[in-house]
C-alpha atoms as a PDB file:
ATOM      1  CA  MET A   1     123.783 102.376 102.383  1.00  0.00           C
ATOM      2  CA  SER A   2     123.846 101.072  98.810  1.00  0.00           C
ATOM      3  CA  SER A   3     120.173 101.784  98.034  1.00  0.00           C
ATOM      4  CA  LEU A   4     117.295 103.873  99.296  1.00  0.00           C
ATOM      5  CA  PRO A   5     114.322 102.151 100.895  1.00  0.00           C
ATOM      6  CA  LEU A   6     111.104 101.592  98.997  1.00  0.00           C
ATOM      7  CA  LEU A   7     109.123 104.848  99.186  1.00  0.00           C
ATOM      8  CA  PRO A   8     105.347 105.066  99.659  1.00  0.00           C
ATOM      9  CA  GLU A   9     103.178 105.987  96.705  1.00  0.00           C
ATOM     10  CA  GLY A  10     102.077 109.575  96.195  1.00  0.00           C
ATOM     11  CA  SER A  11      99.888 111.374  93.701  1.00  0.00           C
ATOM     12  CA  ALA A  12     101.928 111.350  90.487  1.00  0.00           C
ATOM     13  CA  LEU A  13     102.257 114.599  88.555  1.00  0.00           C
ATOM     14  CA  PHE A  14     104.363 112.856  85.901  1.00  0.00           C
ATOM     15  CA  GLU A  15     106.840 110.001  85.653  1.00  0.00           C
ATOM     16  CA  HIS A  16     110.095 109.329  83.793  1.00  0.00           C
ATOM     17  CA  LEU A  17     110.521 112.588  81.879  1.00  0.00           C
ATOM     18  CA  PRO A  18     114.034 113.774  80.888  1.00  0.00           C
ATOM     19  CA  ALA A  19     115.372 115.729  83.859  1.00  0.00           C
ATOM     20  CA  ARG A  20     117.185 118.227  81.656  1.00  0.00           C
ATOM     21  CA  ALA A  21     113.808 119.230  80.192  1.00  0.00           C
ATOM     22  CA  ILE A  22     112.283 120.236  83.530  1.00  0.00           C
ATOM     23  CA  VAL A  23     112.302 123.742  85.005  1.00  0.00           C
ATOM     24  CA  LEU A  24     112.583 122.860  88.658  1.00  0.00           C
ATOM     25  CA  ASP A  25     111.676 126.306  89.962  1.00  0.00           C
ATOM     26  CA  ALA A  26     108.298 125.963  88.249  1.00  0.00           C
ATOM     27  CA  LEU A  27     107.821 122.329  89.225  1.00  0.00           C
ATOM     28  CA  ALA A  28     108.498 122.603  92.976  1.00  0.00           C
ATOM     29  CA  PRO A  29     105.560 124.977  93.670  1.00  0.00           C
ATOM     30  CA  ALA A  30     103.286 122.637  91.704  1.00  0.00           C
ATOM     31  CA  VAL A  31     104.395 119.710  93.887  1.00  0.00           C
ATOM     32  CA  GLY A  32     103.792 121.684  97.091  1.00  0.00           C
ATOM     33  CA  ASN A  33     104.754 118.903  99.488  1.00  0.00           C
ATOM     34  CA  GLY A  34     106.221 115.721  98.127  1.00  0.00           C
ATOM     35  CA  VAL A  35     109.232 114.255  96.379  1.00  0.00           C
ATOM     36  CA  ILE A  36     110.947 114.484  93.020  1.00  0.00           C
ATOM     37  CA  THR A  37     112.844 111.312  92.172  1.00  0.00           C
ATOM     38  CA  LEU A  38     115.658 110.926  89.664  1.00  0.00           C
ATOM     39  CA  ALA A  39     117.240 107.859  88.106  1.00  0.00           C
ATOM     40  CA  ASP A  40     120.278 107.585  85.856  1.00  0.00           C
ATOM     41  CA  ASP A  41     121.910 104.264  84.990  1.00  0.00           C
ATOM     42  CA  GLY A  42     121.759 102.740  88.457  1.00  0.00           C
ATOM     43  CA  ARG A  43     122.069 106.050  90.307  1.00  0.00           C
ATOM     44  CA  VAL A  44     119.072 107.354  92.222  1.00  0.00           C
ATOM     45  CA  GLY A  45     118.226 110.649  93.847  1.00  0.00           C
ATOM     46  CA  VAL A  46     115.366 112.175  95.810  1.00  0.00           C
ATOM     47  CA  LEU A  47     114.596 115.876  96.127  1.00  0.00           C
ATOM     48  CA  VAL A  48     112.349 116.722  99.067  1.00  0.00           C
ATOM     49  CA  VAL A  49     109.837 119.481  98.354  1.00  0.00           C
ATOM     50  CA  ARG A  50     108.261 121.317 101.279  1.00  0.00           C
ATOM     51  CA  ALA A  51     105.938 124.293 100.918  1.00  0.00           C
ATOM     52  CA  GLY A  52     106.759 124.532  97.224  1.00  0.00           C
ATOM     53  CA  ALA A  53     110.553 124.646  97.552  1.00  0.00           C
ATOM     54  CA  VAL A  54     113.342 122.062  97.409  1.00  0.00           C
ATOM     55  CA  ALA A  55     114.328 121.656 101.059  1.00  0.00           C
ATOM     56  CA  ASP A  56     116.537 118.571 101.049  1.00  0.00           C
ATOM     57  CA  ALA A  57     118.185 116.080  98.717  1.00  0.00           C
ATOM     58  CA  VAL A  58     119.747 112.641  98.890  1.00  0.00           C
ATOM     59  CA  CYS A  59     121.360 110.447  96.270  1.00  0.00           C
ATOM     60  CA  ILE A  60     123.042 107.076  95.892  1.00  0.00           C
ATOM     61  CA  ASP A  61     125.856 107.259  93.344  1.00  0.00           C
ATOM     62  CA  ALA A  62     128.403 104.462  92.847  1.00  0.00           C
ATOM     63  CA  GLY A  63     127.190 102.882  96.091  1.00  0.00           C
ATOM     64  CA  ALA A  64     127.878 106.033  98.131  1.00  0.00           C
ATOM     65  CA  ARG A  65     125.148 108.109  99.750  1.00  0.00           C
ATOM     66  CA  SER A  66     125.260 111.890  99.973  1.00  0.00           C
ATOM     67  CA  SER A  67     122.679 114.391 101.155  1.00  0.00           C
ATOM     68  CA  GLY A  68     121.905 118.080 101.122  1.00  0.00           C
ATOM     69  CA  ASN A  69     124.153 120.276  99.000  1.00  0.00           C
ATOM     70  CA  ALA A  70     126.545 117.402  98.269  1.00  0.00           C
ATOM     71  CA  ALA A  71     123.693 115.356  96.782  1.00  0.00           C
ATOM     72  CA  LEU A  72     122.655 118.276  94.580  1.00  0.00           C
ATOM     73  CA  ALA A  73     126.205 118.642  93.308  1.00  0.00           C
ATOM     74  CA  ARG A  74     126.217 115.000  92.205  1.00  0.00           C
ATOM     75  CA  ILE A  75     122.734 115.080  90.703  1.00  0.00           C
ATOM     76  CA  ARG A  76     123.635 118.098  88.550  1.00  0.00           C
ATOM     77  CA  THR A  77     126.097 115.931  86.651  1.00  0.00           C
ATOM     78  CA  TRP A  78     123.477 113.355  85.626  1.00  0.00           C
ATOM     79  CA  GLU A  79     122.934 114.464  82.034  1.00  0.00           C
ATOM     80  CA  SER A  80     120.744 111.486  81.074  1.00  0.00           C
ATOM     81  CA  ALA A  81     118.635 111.274  84.245  1.00  0.00           C
ATOM     82  CA  THR A  82     114.879 110.830  84.170  1.00  0.00           C
ATOM     83  CA  MET A  83     112.621 112.574  86.670  1.00  0.00           C
ATOM     84  CA  SER A  84     109.287 111.816  88.335  1.00  0.00           C
ATOM     85  CA  ALA A  85     107.275 114.089  90.629  1.00  0.00           C
ATOM     86  CA  PHE A  86     104.788 113.114  93.341  1.00  0.00           C
ATOM     87  CA  ARG A  87     102.637 114.923  95.864  1.00  0.00           C
ATOM     88  CA  TRP A  88     102.637 113.286  99.295  1.00  0.00           C
ATOM     89  CA  THR A  89     100.203 113.402 102.194  1.00  0.00           C
ATOM     90  CA  ASP A  90     101.241 114.868 105.547  1.00  0.00           C
ATOM     91  CA  ALA A  91     101.484 111.333 106.929  1.00  0.00           C
ATOM     92  CA  ALA A  92     103.940 110.329 104.213  1.00  0.00           C
ATOM     93  CA  MET A  93     105.960 113.552 104.554  1.00  0.00           C
ATOM     94  CA  SER A  94     106.483 112.812 108.261  1.00  0.00           C
ATOM     95  CA  LEU A  95     108.369 109.640 107.265  1.00  0.00           C
ATOM     96  CA  LEU A  96     110.912 111.291 104.988  1.00  0.00           C
ATOM     97  CA  ASP A  97     113.766 111.813 107.441  1.00  0.00           C
ATOM     98  CA  PRO A  98     113.995 108.175 108.589  1.00  0.00           C
ATOM     99  CA  LEU A  99     113.418 106.887 105.050  1.00  0.00           C
ATOM    100  CA  ILE A 100     116.168 108.864 103.341  1.00  0.00           C
ATOM    101  CA  HIS A 101     118.552 109.611 106.230  1.00  0.00           C
ATOM    102  CA  GLY A 102     118.367 106.453 108.335  1.00  0.00           C
ATOM    103  CA  GLU A 103     121.667 104.664 108.984  1.00  0.00           C
ATOM    104  CA  PRO A 104     122.013 100.878 108.628  1.00  0.00           C
ATOM    105  CA  CYS A 105     121.458  99.078 111.901  1.00  0.00           C
ATOM    106  CA  TYR A 106     121.133  95.552 110.482  1.00  0.00           C
ATOM    107  CA  ASP A 107     121.782  94.726 106.844  1.00  0.00           C
ATOM    108  CA  ASP A 108     120.876  91.486 105.056  1.00  0.00           C
ATOM    109  CA  LEU A 109     119.455  89.864 108.167  1.00  0.00           C
ATOM    110  CA  ARG A 110     118.091  86.549 106.902  1.00  0.00           C
ATOM    111  CA  LEU A 111     114.376  86.075 107.482  1.00  0.00           C
ATOM    112  CA  GLU A 112     114.947  82.337 107.976  1.00  0.00           C
ATOM    113  CA  TRP A 113     116.976  83.109 111.086  1.00  0.00           C
ATOM    114  CA  THR A 114     114.574  85.662 112.493  1.00  0.00           C
ATOM    115  CA  ALA A 115     111.498  85.427 114.694  1.00  0.00           C
ATOM    116  CA  TRP A 116     109.607  88.230 112.958  1.00  0.00           C
ATOM    117  CA  PRO A 117     107.086  89.151 115.717  1.00  0.00           C
ATOM    118  CA  GLN A 118     109.806  89.190 118.375  1.00  0.00           C
ATOM    119  CA  LEU A 119     112.019  91.366 116.175  1.00  0.00           C
ATOM    120  CA  LEU A 120     109.266  93.975 115.862  1.00  0.00           C
ATOM    121  CA  ASP A 121     108.581  93.787 119.605  1.00  0.00           C
ATOM    122  CA  ASP A 122     112.255  94.440 120.287  1.00  0.00           C
ATOM    123  CA  LEU A 123     112.356  97.471 117.997  1.00  0.00           C
ATOM    124  CA  ARG A 124     109.151  98.884 119.450  1.00  0.00           C
ATOM    125  CA  GLY A 125     110.650  98.620 122.909  1.00  0.00           C
ATOM    126  CA  ARG A 126     113.735 100.688 122.086  1.00  0.00           C
ATOM    127  CA  GLY A 127     111.935 104.029 121.846  1.00  0.00           C
ATOM    128  CA  GLN A 128     113.709 105.090 118.652  1.00  0.00           C
ATOM    129  CA  THR A 129     112.767 105.402 114.999  1.00  0.00           C
ATOM    130  CA  PHE A 130     113.482 102.461 112.702  1.00  0.00           C
ATOM    131  CA  VAL A 131     112.742 101.702 109.070  1.00  0.00           C
ATOM    132  CA  VAL A 132     112.302  97.942 108.610  1.00  0.00           C
ATOM    133  CA  GLU A 133     112.500  96.815 104.991  1.00  0.00           C
ATOM    134  CA  LEU A 134     111.611  93.291 103.980  1.00  0.00           C
ATOM    135  CA  PHE A 135     112.788  91.615 100.744  1.00  0.00           C
ATOM    136  CA  THR A 136     111.002  88.366  99.845  1.00  0.00           C
ATOM    137  CA  PRO A 137     110.144  86.333  96.731  1.00  0.00           C
ATOM    138  CA  GLY A 138     106.592  87.628  97.169  1.00  0.00           C
ATOM    139  CA  GLY A 139     107.645  91.274  97.058  1.00  0.00           C
ATOM    140  CA  ARG A 140     109.171  94.102  99.025  1.00  0.00           C
ATOM    141  CA  GLY A 141     107.698  96.035 101.934  1.00  0.00           C
ATOM    142  CA  VAL A 142     108.468  98.623 104.600  1.00  0.00           C
ATOM    143  CA  THR A 143     107.221  99.374 108.094  1.00  0.00           C
ATOM    144  CA  VAL A 144     108.307 102.392 110.148  1.00  0.00           C
ATOM    145  CA  VAL A 145     108.547 102.056 113.917  1.00  0.00           C
ATOM    146  CA  ARG A 146     108.484 105.297 115.912  1.00  0.00           C
ATOM    147  CA  ASP A 147     108.165 105.733 119.676  1.00  0.00           C
ATOM    148  CA  GLY A 148     107.043 102.151 120.199  1.00  0.00           C
ATOM    149  CA  GLU A 149     104.437 102.090 117.424  1.00  0.00           C
ATOM    150  CA  GLN A 150     104.307 100.926 113.813  1.00  0.00           C
ATOM    151  CA  VAL A 151     103.272 104.258 112.346  1.00  0.00           C
ATOM    152  CA  ALA A 152     103.316 103.334 108.638  1.00  0.00           C
ATOM    153  CA  THR A 153     103.401 100.157 106.553  1.00  0.00           C
ATOM    154  CA  TYR A 154     103.286  99.692 102.791  1.00  0.00           C
ATOM    155  CA  THR A 155     104.420  97.191 100.151  1.00  0.00           C
ATOM    156  CA  GLU A 156     105.157  97.106  96.437  1.00  0.00           C
ATOM    157  CA  SER A 157     101.717  95.649  95.761  1.00  0.00           C
ATOM    158  CA  GLU A 158      99.969  98.009  98.232  1.00  0.00           C
ATOM    159  CA  PRO A 159     102.127 101.162  98.011  1.00  0.00           C
ATOM    160  CA  THR A 160      99.837 103.450 100.009  1.00  0.00           C
ATOM    161  CA  ILE A 161     100.295 103.615 103.786  1.00  0.00           C
ATOM    162  CA  GLY A 162      98.015 101.034 105.369  1.00  0.00           C
ATOM    163  CA  ASP A 163      97.617  98.026 107.650  1.00  0.00           C
ATOM    164  CA  PRO A 164     100.760  96.674 109.405  1.00  0.00           C
ATOM    165  CA  GLU A 165      99.455  93.177 108.703  1.00  0.00           C
ATOM    166  CA  ALA A 166     100.426  93.614 105.032  1.00  0.00           C
ATOM    167  CA  LEU A 167     104.098  93.163 105.910  1.00  0.00           C
ATOM    168  CA  ASN A 168     103.359  90.272 108.238  1.00  0.00           C
ATOM    169  CA  ALA A 169     101.918  88.383 105.279  1.00  0.00           C
ATOM    170  CA  LEU A 170     105.213  88.761 103.396  1.00  0.00           C
ATOM    171  CA  ALA A 171     107.224  87.679 106.432  1.00  0.00           C
ATOM    172  CA  ALA A 172     105.057  84.599 106.869  1.00  0.00           C
ATOM    173  CA  GLY A 173     106.698  83.037 103.810  1.00  0.00           C
ATOM    174  CA  GLY A 174     109.859  82.596 105.860  1.00  0.00           C
ATOM    175  CA  THR A 175     112.247  83.313 102.973  1.00  0.00           C
ATOM    176  CA  GLY A 176     113.997  86.587 102.304  1.00  0.00           C
ATOM    177  CA  SER A 177     116.068  89.218 104.042  1.00  0.00           C
ATOM    178  CA  ILE A 178     115.567  92.201 106.338  1.00  0.00           C
ATOM    179  CA  ARG A 179     117.277  95.571 106.397  1.00  0.00           C
ATOM    180  CA  ILE A 180     116.809  97.888 109.364  1.00  0.00           C
ATOM    181  CA  LEU A 181     117.699 101.584 109.267  1.00  0.00           C
ATOM    182  CA  GLU A 182     118.014 103.551 112.477  1.00  0.00           C
ATOM    183  CA  THR A 183     117.484 107.252 113.047  1.00  0.00           C
ATOM    184  CA  PRO A 184     119.343 108.223 116.239  1.00  0.00           C
ATOM    185  CA  ALA A 185     117.794 110.947 118.378  1.00  0.00           C
ATOM    186  CA  THR A 186     120.748 113.245 117.592  1.00  0.00           C
ATOM    187  CA  ALA A 187     120.580 112.738 113.811  1.00  0.00           C
ATOM    188  CA  THR A 188     120.130 115.775 111.587  1.00  0.00           C
ATOM    189  CA  SER A 189     118.843 115.692 108.055  1.00  0.00           C
ATOM    190  CA  GLY A 190     120.504 117.298 105.081  1.00  0.00           C
ATOM    191  CA  SER A 191     119.313 120.666 103.866  1.00  0.00           C
ATOM    192  CA  ILE A 192     119.662 122.915 100.868  1.00  0.00           C
ATOM    193  CA  THR A 193     121.242 126.296 101.505  1.00  0.00           C
ATOM    194  CA  GLU A 194     120.222 129.276  99.431  1.00  0.00           C
ATOM    195  CA  ASP A 195     123.502 129.548  97.525  1.00  0.00           C
ATOM    196  CA  ALA A 196     123.218 125.889  96.504  1.00  0.00           C
ATOM    197  CA  SER A 197     119.586 125.988  95.417  1.00  0.00           C
ATOM    198  CA  PRO A 198     118.848 124.898  91.843  1.00  0.00           C
ATOM    199  CA  ALA A 199     118.033 128.462  90.788  1.00  0.00           C
ATOM    200  CA  ALA A 200     121.459 129.670  91.885  1.00  0.00           C
ATOM    201  CA  GLN A 201     123.356 127.074  89.874  1.00  0.00           C
ATOM    202  CA  HIS A 202     123.381 127.966  86.197  1.00  0.00           C
ATOM    203  CA  GLY A 203     125.398 124.859  85.358  1.00  0.00           C
ATOM    204  CA  TRP A 204     122.730 122.408  86.485  1.00  0.00           C
ATOM    205  CA  PRO A 205     120.984 120.859  83.476  1.00  0.00           C
ATOM    206  CA  ILE A 206     117.618 121.427  85.162  1.00  0.00           C
ATOM    207  CA  GLY A 207     116.534 124.863  84.019  1.00  0.00           C
ATOM    208  CA  HIS A 208     115.361 127.950  85.868  1.00  0.00           C
ATOM    209  CA  ALA A 209     112.287 130.002  85.106  1.00  0.00           C
ATOM    210  CA  PRO A 210     109.970 132.199  87.177  1.00  0.00           C
ATOM    211  CA  VAL A 211     106.592 130.863  88.243  1.00  0.00           C
ATOM    212  CA  ARG A 212     103.632 133.023  87.331  1.00  0.00           C
ATOM    213  CA  ARG A 213     100.730 133.138  89.778  1.00  0.00           C
ATOM    214  CA  SER A 214      98.010 135.296  88.283  1.00  0.00           C
ATOM    215  CA  ASP A 215      94.311 135.206  87.529  1.00  0.00           C
ATOM    216  CA  ASP A 216      94.612 137.515  84.526  1.00  0.00           C
ATOM    217  CA  ALA A 217      93.364 136.445  81.123  1.00  0.00           C
ATOM    218  CA  ASP A 218      96.903 135.773  79.931  1.00  0.00           C
ATOM    219  CA  GLU A 219      97.187 133.016  82.540  1.00  0.00           C
ATOM    220  CA  ALA A 220      96.434 130.654  79.640  1.00  0.00           C
ATOM    221  CA  GLY A 221     100.145 130.864  78.878  1.00  0.00           C
ATOM    222  CA  ALA A 222     101.177 129.812  82.387  1.00  0.00           C
ATOM    223  CA  THR A 223     100.664 126.083  81.766  1.00  0.00           C
ATOM    224  CA  LEU A 224     102.839 123.046  82.175  1.00  0.00           C
ATOM    225  CA  SER A 225     104.806 124.200  79.160  1.00  0.00           C
ATOM    226  CA  SER A 226     106.470 126.592  81.601  1.00  0.00           C
ATOM    227  CA  LEU A 227     108.037 123.502  83.159  1.00  0.00           C
ATOM    228  CA  PHE A 228     109.960 122.860  79.945  1.00  0.00           C
ATOM    229  CA  GLY A 229     112.601 125.507  79.353  1.00  0.00           C
ATOM    230  CA  ALA A 230     112.727 127.487  76.123  1.00  0.00           C
ATOM    231  CA  HIS A 231     116.459 126.730  75.999  1.00  0.00           C
ATOM    232  CA  LEU A 232     116.025 122.967  75.439  1.00  0.00           C
ATOM    233  CA  ARG A 233     118.322 121.231  72.972  1.00  0.00           C
ATOM    234  CA  THR A 234     115.268 119.520  71.464  1.00  0.00           C
ATOM    235  CA  ALA A 235     111.870 120.711  70.305  1.00  0.00           C
ATOM    236  CA  PRO A 236     109.369 121.662  73.049  1.00  0.00           C
ATOM    237  CA  LEU A 237     107.451 118.720  74.441  1.00  0.00           C
ATOM    238  CA  ILE A 238     104.228 120.721  74.692  1.00  0.00           C
ATOM    239  CA  VAL A 239     102.914 123.259  72.208  1.00  0.00           C
ATOM    240  CA  LEU A 240     100.105 125.590  73.221  1.00  0.00           C
ATOM    241  CA  ASP A 241      97.425 126.724  70.823  1.00  0.00           C
ATOM    242  CA  SER A 242      96.844 130.359  71.727  1.00  0.00           C
ATOM    243  CA  SER A 243      93.602 130.371  69.753  1.00  0.00           C
ATOM    244  CA  ARG A 244      91.905 128.369  72.516  1.00  0.00           C
ATOM    245  CA  ALA A 245      90.544 131.416  74.330  1.00  0.00           C
ATOM    246  CA  PRO A 246      87.848 129.449  76.200  1.00  0.00           C
ATOM    247  CA  ALA A 247      90.602 127.451  77.921  1.00  0.00           C
ATOM    248  CA  ALA A 248      91.239 130.494  80.135  1.00  0.00           C
ATOM    249  CA  THR A 249      88.253 129.265  82.178  1.00  0.00           C
ATOM    250  CA  ASN A 250      89.176 128.740  85.791  1.00  0.00           C
ATOM    251  CA  ALA A 251      89.258 125.031  86.690  1.00  0.00           C
ATOM    252  CA  ALA A 252      87.359 125.713  89.902  1.00  0.00           C
ATOM    253  CA  ALA A 253      84.277 126.646  87.871  1.00  0.00           C
ATOM    254  CA  LEU A 254      84.199 123.199  86.254  1.00  0.00           C
ATOM    255  CA  ARG A 255      85.626 121.018  89.012  1.00  0.00           C
ATOM    256  CA  PRO A 256      82.768 118.406  89.113  1.00  0.00           C
ATOM    257  CA  GLU A 257      82.604 118.123  85.326  1.00  0.00           C
ATOM    258  CA  LEU A 258      86.388 117.771  85.021  1.00  0.00           C
ATOM    259  CA  LYS A 259      86.439 115.010  87.623  1.00  0.00           C
ATOM    260  CA  LEU A 260      83.627 113.215  85.830  1.00  0.00           C
ATOM    261  CA  LEU A 261      85.648 113.253  82.598  1.00  0.00           C
ATOM    262  CA  ALA A 262      88.566 111.656  84.448  1.00  0.00           C
ATOM    263  CA  GLN A 263      86.306 108.999  85.962  1.00  0.00           C
ATOM    264  CA  ARG A 264      84.829 108.097  82.581  1.00  0.00           C
ATOM    265  CA  ARG A 265      88.241 107.746  80.937  1.00  0.00           C
ATOM    266  CA  LEU A 266      90.146 106.078  83.763  1.00  0.00           C
ATOM    267  CA  GLN A 267      87.430 104.331  85.779  1.00  0.00           C
ATOM    268  CA  ARG A 268      88.826 103.214  89.173  1.00  0.00           C
ATOM    269  CA  SER A 269      92.278 104.611  88.369  1.00  0.00           C
ATOM    270  CA  SER A 270      91.050 108.199  88.125  1.00  0.00           C
ATOM    271  CA  ARG A 271      92.179 109.308  91.596  1.00  0.00           C
ATOM    272  CA  PRO A 272      95.589 110.778  90.567  1.00  0.00           C
ATOM    273  CA  VAL A 273      93.952 112.906  87.875  1.00  0.00           C
ATOM    274  CA  GLU A 274      91.157 113.959  90.228  1.00  0.00           C
ATOM    275  CA  ASP A 275      93.848 115.121  92.661  1.00  0.00           C
ATOM    276  CA  ILE A 276      95.368 117.221  89.875  1.00  0.00           C
ATOM    277  CA  VAL A 277      91.928 118.710  89.167  1.00  0.00           C
ATOM    278  CA  ASP A 278      91.563 119.613  92.855  1.00  0.00           C
ATOM    279  CA  ALA A 279      95.020 121.173  92.930  1.00  0.00           C
ATOM    280  CA  ALA A 280      94.299 123.236  89.827  1.00  0.00           C
ATOM    281  CA  ALA A 281      90.970 124.407  91.221  1.00  0.00           C
ATOM    282  CA  ASP A 282      92.380 125.228  94.665  1.00  0.00           C
ATOM    283  CA  ASP A 283      95.266 127.172  93.115  1.00  0.00           C
ATOM    284  CA  ARG A 284      92.868 129.059  90.810  1.00  0.00           C
ATOM    285  CA  GLN A 285      94.598 127.715  87.714  1.00  0.00           C
ATOM    286  CA  THR A 286      92.992 127.590  84.274  1.00  0.00           C
ATOM    287  CA  VAL A 287      91.703 124.521  82.479  1.00  0.00           C
ATOM    288  CA  ALA A 288      94.512 125.000  79.941  1.00  0.00           C
ATOM    289  CA  TRP A 289      97.027 124.715  82.787  1.00  0.00           C
ATOM    290  CA  LEU A 290      95.228 121.603  84.021  1.00  0.00           C
ATOM    291  CA  ALA A 291      95.054 120.017  80.556  1.00  0.00           C
ATOM    292  CA  ASP A 292      98.790 120.315  80.051  1.00  0.00           C
ATOM    293  CA  ARG A 293      99.382 118.684  83.424  1.00  0.00           C
ATOM    294  CA  VAL A 294      97.076 115.838  82.437  1.00  0.00           C
ATOM    295  CA  ARG A 295      98.950 115.306  79.142  1.00  0.00           C
ATOM    296  CA  VAL A 296     102.131 114.303  80.983  1.00  0.00           C
ATOM    297  CA  THR A 297     100.430 112.234  83.678  1.00  0.00           C
ATOM    298  CA  ARG A 298     101.145 108.507  83.530  1.00  0.00           C
ATOM    299  CA  ILE A 299      99.269 105.707  85.281  1.00  0.00           C
ATOM    300  CA  ARG A 300     100.270 102.095  84.940  1.00  0.00           C
ATOM    301  CA  GLY A 301      98.062 100.247  82.467  1.00  0.00           C
ATOM    302  CA  PHE A 302      97.060 103.282  80.400  1.00  0.00           C
ATOM    303  CA  MET A 303      98.642 104.512  77.180  1.00  0.00           C
ATOM    304  CA  ALA A 304      99.901 108.064  76.799  1.00  0.00           C
ATOM    305  CA  SER A 305      97.212 108.657  74.179  1.00  0.00           C
ATOM    306  CA  THR A 306      94.553 108.202  76.872  1.00  0.00           C
ATOM    307  CA  PHE A 307      95.833 111.250  78.725  1.00  0.00           C
ATOM    308  CA  GLU A 308      96.187 113.219  75.501  1.00  0.00           C
ATOM    309  CA  GLN A 309      92.527 112.564  74.753  1.00  0.00           C
ATOM    310  CA  LEU A 310      91.473 113.356  78.321  1.00  0.00           C
ATOM    311  CA  ALA A 311      93.272 116.707  78.080  1.00  0.00           C
ATOM    312  CA  GLU A 312      91.441 117.439  74.823  1.00  0.00           C
ATOM    313  CA  ASP A 313      88.139 116.504  76.475  1.00  0.00           C
ATOM    314  CA  MET A 314      88.844 119.016  79.224  1.00  0.00           C
ATOM    315  CA  LEU A 315      89.616 121.771  76.739  1.00  0.00           C
ATOM    316  CA  ALA A 316      86.473 120.909  74.774  1.00  0.00           C
ATOM    317  CA  LEU A 317      84.462 121.176  77.980  1.00  0.00           C
ATOM    318  CA  THR A 318      85.480 124.822  78.360  1.00  0.00           C
ATOM    319  CA  GLU A 319      84.426 125.507  74.771  1.00  0.00           C
ATOM    320  CA  ARG A 320      80.984 124.005  75.399  1.00  0.00           C
ATOM    321  CA  SER A 321      80.696 125.988  78.624  1.00  0.00           C
END
């Protein structure tokens, strides 16, 4: 398989940061359940995070796919890779194995030759799991068939899991190609063994640092800056101002006000930041921790300065409180 399928959209923690600047052991617990994606000059990789730990990996390098420990070994050599991190819903997490471990069943099947409804009927009748990916001039889309049902459908323009009809609209154009990946009943996914985990490999350019989980007053130091190792070759990407004592306020105490700030700044695009606010509040993190997460958040259509200002607004809110 020369490329991974289109993945559904999650709640972005950050996008396109230098991978060598990320402390993965601190990032994985923040993701909880989701994916960390990497890209490096045509090579792509996905790290699967479950319950706050990297549980699986897959990569496409020079047209070859590898998974588990072998994928990690390749990814460690990607010195110039960029990294993005996303939280996923339970529904999206249930799709991961067929999405990243499915084997090609049909590749480059021309849409012009295919009766689309009958093709889906045939796949539904086989009682297996299939990933059907559609490539058309109008965009790209995916539907997952499992046990006779279309359990998830999404497209580039509508990247959240939704109505199966979204893919039918793309197919109606009659021009494009179809790729179908099959997950046999006996298939097993890759996995990461303890001796191959990122923390055990000192040579991997992604650093290692302990994660602090405390409600003490010094929790103000346990912010997103902990995701950027002190051993970086360049200056730190985030600098904390230790004089901001009010920022030790727990985010849970200001959850509604913090969400309102996000809504005012980002309008209808505030959902990813509101999810970060909820995560910070549920994990009993401080507003300083939250603000540093917000600084590195990126949403299409907004400049980085917008998130810098939103983070400052959040810190100022604790001072007023």
